[in-house]
C-alpha atoms as a PDB file:
ATOM      1  CA  UNK A   1      -0.589  13.689 -43.740  1.00  0.00           C
ATOM      2  CA  UNK A   2      -3.256  16.258 -43.044  1.00  0.00           C
ATOM      3  CA  UNK A   3      -3.546  16.507 -46.994  1.00  0.00           C
ATOM      4  CA  UNK A   4      -5.541  13.354 -47.133  1.00  0.00           C
ATOM      5  CA  UNK A   5      -7.202  13.528 -43.484  1.00  0.00           C
ATOM      6  CA  UNK A   6     -10.762  12.798 -43.793  1.00  0.00           C
ATOM      7  CA  UNK A   7     -13.294  15.778 -43.075  1.00  0.00           C
ATOM      8  CA  UNK A   8     -17.118  16.141 -42.402  1.00  0.00           C
ATOM      9  CA  UNK A   9     -17.652  17.987 -45.635  1.00  0.00           C
ATOM     10  CA  UNK A  10     -18.327  15.668 -48.801  1.00  0.00           C
ATOM     11  CA  UNK A  11     -15.718  17.597 -50.595  1.00  0.00           C
ATOM     12  CA  UNK A  12     -12.185  17.940 -48.632  1.00  0.00           C
ATOM     13  CA  UNK A  13     -10.998  21.473 -47.966  1.00  0.00           C
ATOM     14  CA  UNK A  14      -8.106  21.247 -50.341  1.00  0.00           C
ATOM     15  CA  UNK A  15     -10.117  20.283 -53.054  1.00  0.00           C
ATOM     16  CA  UNK A  16     -12.373  22.737 -52.559  1.00  0.00           C
ATOM     17  CA  UNK A  17     -10.325  25.742 -51.737  1.00  0.00           C
ATOM     18  CA  UNK A  18      -8.199  25.022 -54.941  1.00  0.00           C
ATOM     19  CA  UNK A  19     -10.533  24.376 -57.537  1.00  0.00           C
ATOM     20  CA  UNK A  20     -12.434  27.481 -56.514  1.00  0.00           C
ATOM     21  CA  UNK A  21      -9.441  29.429 -56.851  1.00  0.00           C
ATOM     22  CA  UNK A  22      -8.623  27.951 -60.518  1.00  0.00           C
ATOM     23  CA  UNK A  23     -12.156  28.573 -61.592  1.00  0.00           C
ATOM     24  CA  UNK A  24     -11.969  32.167 -60.705  1.00  0.00           C
ATOM     25  CA  UNK A  25      -8.273  32.925 -61.217  1.00  0.00           C
ATOM     26  CA  UNK A  26      -6.454  29.981 -63.165  1.00  0.00           C
ATOM     27  CA  UNK A  27      -8.537  29.164 -66.340  1.00  0.00           C
ATOM     28  CA  UNK A  28      -5.255  28.742 -68.913  1.00  0.00           C
ATOM     29  CA  UNK A  29      -4.164  25.793 -70.952  1.00  0.00           C
ATOM     30  CA  UNK A  30      -3.006  22.978 -69.435  1.00  0.00           C
ATOM     31  CA  UNK A  31      -4.056  24.008 -65.725  1.00  0.00           C
ATOM     32  CA  UNK A  32      -4.007  20.445 -64.909  1.00  0.00           C
ATOM     33  CA  UNK A  33      -1.621  19.232 -67.304  1.00  0.00           C
ATOM     34  CA  UNK A  34       1.383  21.536 -66.891  1.00  0.00           C
ATOM     35  CA  UNK A  35       3.270  21.132 -63.094  1.00  0.00           C
ATOM     36  CA  UNK A  36       3.891  23.850 -60.779  1.00  0.00           C
ATOM     37  CA  UNK A  37       6.913  24.662 -59.208  1.00  0.00           C
ATOM     38  CA  UNK A  38       7.887  21.728 -56.604  1.00  0.00           C
ATOM     39  CA  UNK A  39       8.785  24.229 -54.076  1.00  0.00           C
ATOM     40  CA  UNK A  40       5.748  25.940 -54.346  1.00  0.00           C
ATOM     41  CA  UNK A  41       3.431  22.902 -54.303  1.00  0.00           C
ATOM     42  CA  UNK A  42       5.384  21.704 -51.186  1.00  0.00           C
ATOM     43  CA  UNK A  43       4.794  25.280 -49.296  1.00  0.00           C
ATOM     44  CA  UNK A  44       1.084  25.211 -50.293  1.00  0.00           C
ATOM     45  CA  UNK A  45       0.791  21.426 -49.091  1.00  0.00           C
ATOM     46  CA  UNK A  46       2.155  22.601 -45.798  1.00  0.00           C
ATOM     47  CA  UNK A  47       0.024  25.783 -45.304  1.00  0.00           C
ATOM     48  CA  UNK A  48      -3.039  23.254 -46.226  1.00  0.00           C
ATOM     49  CA  UNK A  49      -1.343  20.916 -43.481  1.00  0.00           C
ATOM     50  CA  UNK A  50      -0.954  23.526 -40.595  1.00  0.00           C
ATOM     51  CA  UNK A  51      -3.625  26.182 -41.395  1.00  0.00           C
ATOM     52  CA  UNK A  52      -7.613  25.696 -42.088  1.00  0.00           C
ATOM     53  CA  UNK A  53      -7.610  27.572 -45.563  1.00  0.00           C
ATOM     54  CA  UNK A  54      -4.384  29.280 -46.767  1.00  0.00           C
ATOM     55  CA  UNK A  55      -4.550  32.613 -48.598  1.00  0.00           C
ATOM     56  CA  UNK A  56      -4.234  31.336 -52.498  1.00  0.00           C
ATOM     57  CA  UNK A  57      -4.155  34.942 -53.589  1.00  0.00           C
ATOM     58  CA  UNK A  58      -0.439  35.419 -52.430  1.00  0.00           C
ATOM     59  CA  UNK A  59       1.631  35.955 -55.268  1.00  0.00           C
ATOM     60  CA  UNK A  60       3.367  33.211 -55.067  1.00  0.00           C
ATOM     61  CA  UNK A  61       0.650  31.452 -55.983  1.00  0.00           C
ATOM     62  CA  UNK A  62      -1.115  33.589 -58.573  1.00  0.00           C
ATOM     63  CA  UNK A  63       2.234  33.708 -60.232  1.00  0.00           C
ATOM     64  CA  UNK A  64       2.606  29.989 -60.264  1.00  0.00           C
ATOM     65  CA  UNK A  65      -1.313  28.835 -60.580  1.00  0.00           C
ATOM     66  CA  UNK A  66      -0.098  25.586 -61.947  1.00  0.00           C
ATOM     67  CA  UNK A  67       0.911  24.601 -58.205  1.00  0.00           C
ATOM     68  CA  UNK A  68      -2.468  24.929 -57.247  1.00  0.00           C
ATOM     69  CA  UNK A  69      -3.681  22.390 -59.933  1.00  0.00           C
ATOM     70  CA  UNK A  70      -0.294  20.093 -58.865  1.00  0.00           C
ATOM     71  CA  UNK A  71      -1.909  20.120 -55.373  1.00  0.00           C
ATOM     72  CA  UNK A  72      -5.071  18.725 -56.568  1.00  0.00           C
ATOM     73  CA  UNK A  73      -3.269  16.174 -58.712  1.00  0.00           C
ATOM     74  CA  UNK A  74      -1.016  15.415 -55.479  1.00  0.00           C
ATOM     75  CA  UNK A  75      -4.277  14.744 -53.285  1.00  0.00           C
ATOM     76  CA  UNK A  76      -5.513  12.279 -55.668  1.00  0.00           C
ATOM     77  CA  UNK A  77      -2.744  10.289 -55.949  1.00  0.00           C
ATOM     78  CA  UNK A  78      -2.075   9.931 -52.262  1.00  0.00           C
ATOM     79  CA  UNK A  79      -5.444   8.717 -51.627  1.00  0.00           C
ATOM     80  CA  UNK A  80      -5.567   5.169 -49.718  1.00  0.00           C
ATOM     81  CA  UNK A  81      -8.299   4.038 -52.145  1.00  0.00           C
ATOM     82  CA  UNK A  82      -8.177   5.125 -55.925  1.00  0.00           C
ATOM     83  CA  UNK A  83     -10.943   7.524 -56.737  1.00  0.00           C
ATOM     84  CA  UNK A  84     -11.956   4.513 -59.080  1.00  0.00           C
ATOM     85  CA  UNK A  85     -11.788   2.149 -56.091  1.00  0.00           C
ATOM     86  CA  UNK A  86      -9.704  -1.178 -56.467  1.00  0.00           C
ATOM     87  CA  UNK A  87     -13.101  -2.999 -55.482  1.00  0.00           C
ATOM     88  CA  UNK A  88     -14.770  -1.738 -58.548  1.00  0.00           C
ATOM     89  CA  UNK A  89     -11.626  -2.369 -60.674  1.00  0.00           C
ATOM     90  CA  UNK A  90     -13.046  -5.071 -62.613  1.00  0.00           C
ATOM     91  CA  UNK A  91     -16.391  -3.172 -63.596  1.00  0.00           C
ATOM     92  CA  UNK A  92     -14.240  -0.271 -64.878  1.00  0.00           C
ATOM     93  CA  UNK A  93     -12.196  -2.594 -67.096  1.00  0.00           C
END
């Protein structure tokens, strides 16, 4: 999937776009706790996979801001090596 594809930037575009959008439009209770509508998450994921930067200001994403937060969580879940890497697990625990 392009969602977890490495980029030249230190912050992947999907995370950069989604977090900037959430900071601007989505400061609501539970933004990263509540899940978005699954079909909206998949639509947004597909747009990131097929376009450089999708238009997050579309009504579908404004009305379901939680799908943007859910896509960020999905990105981290699908990383081949967790953010807190396997190699460092012993030190963290």
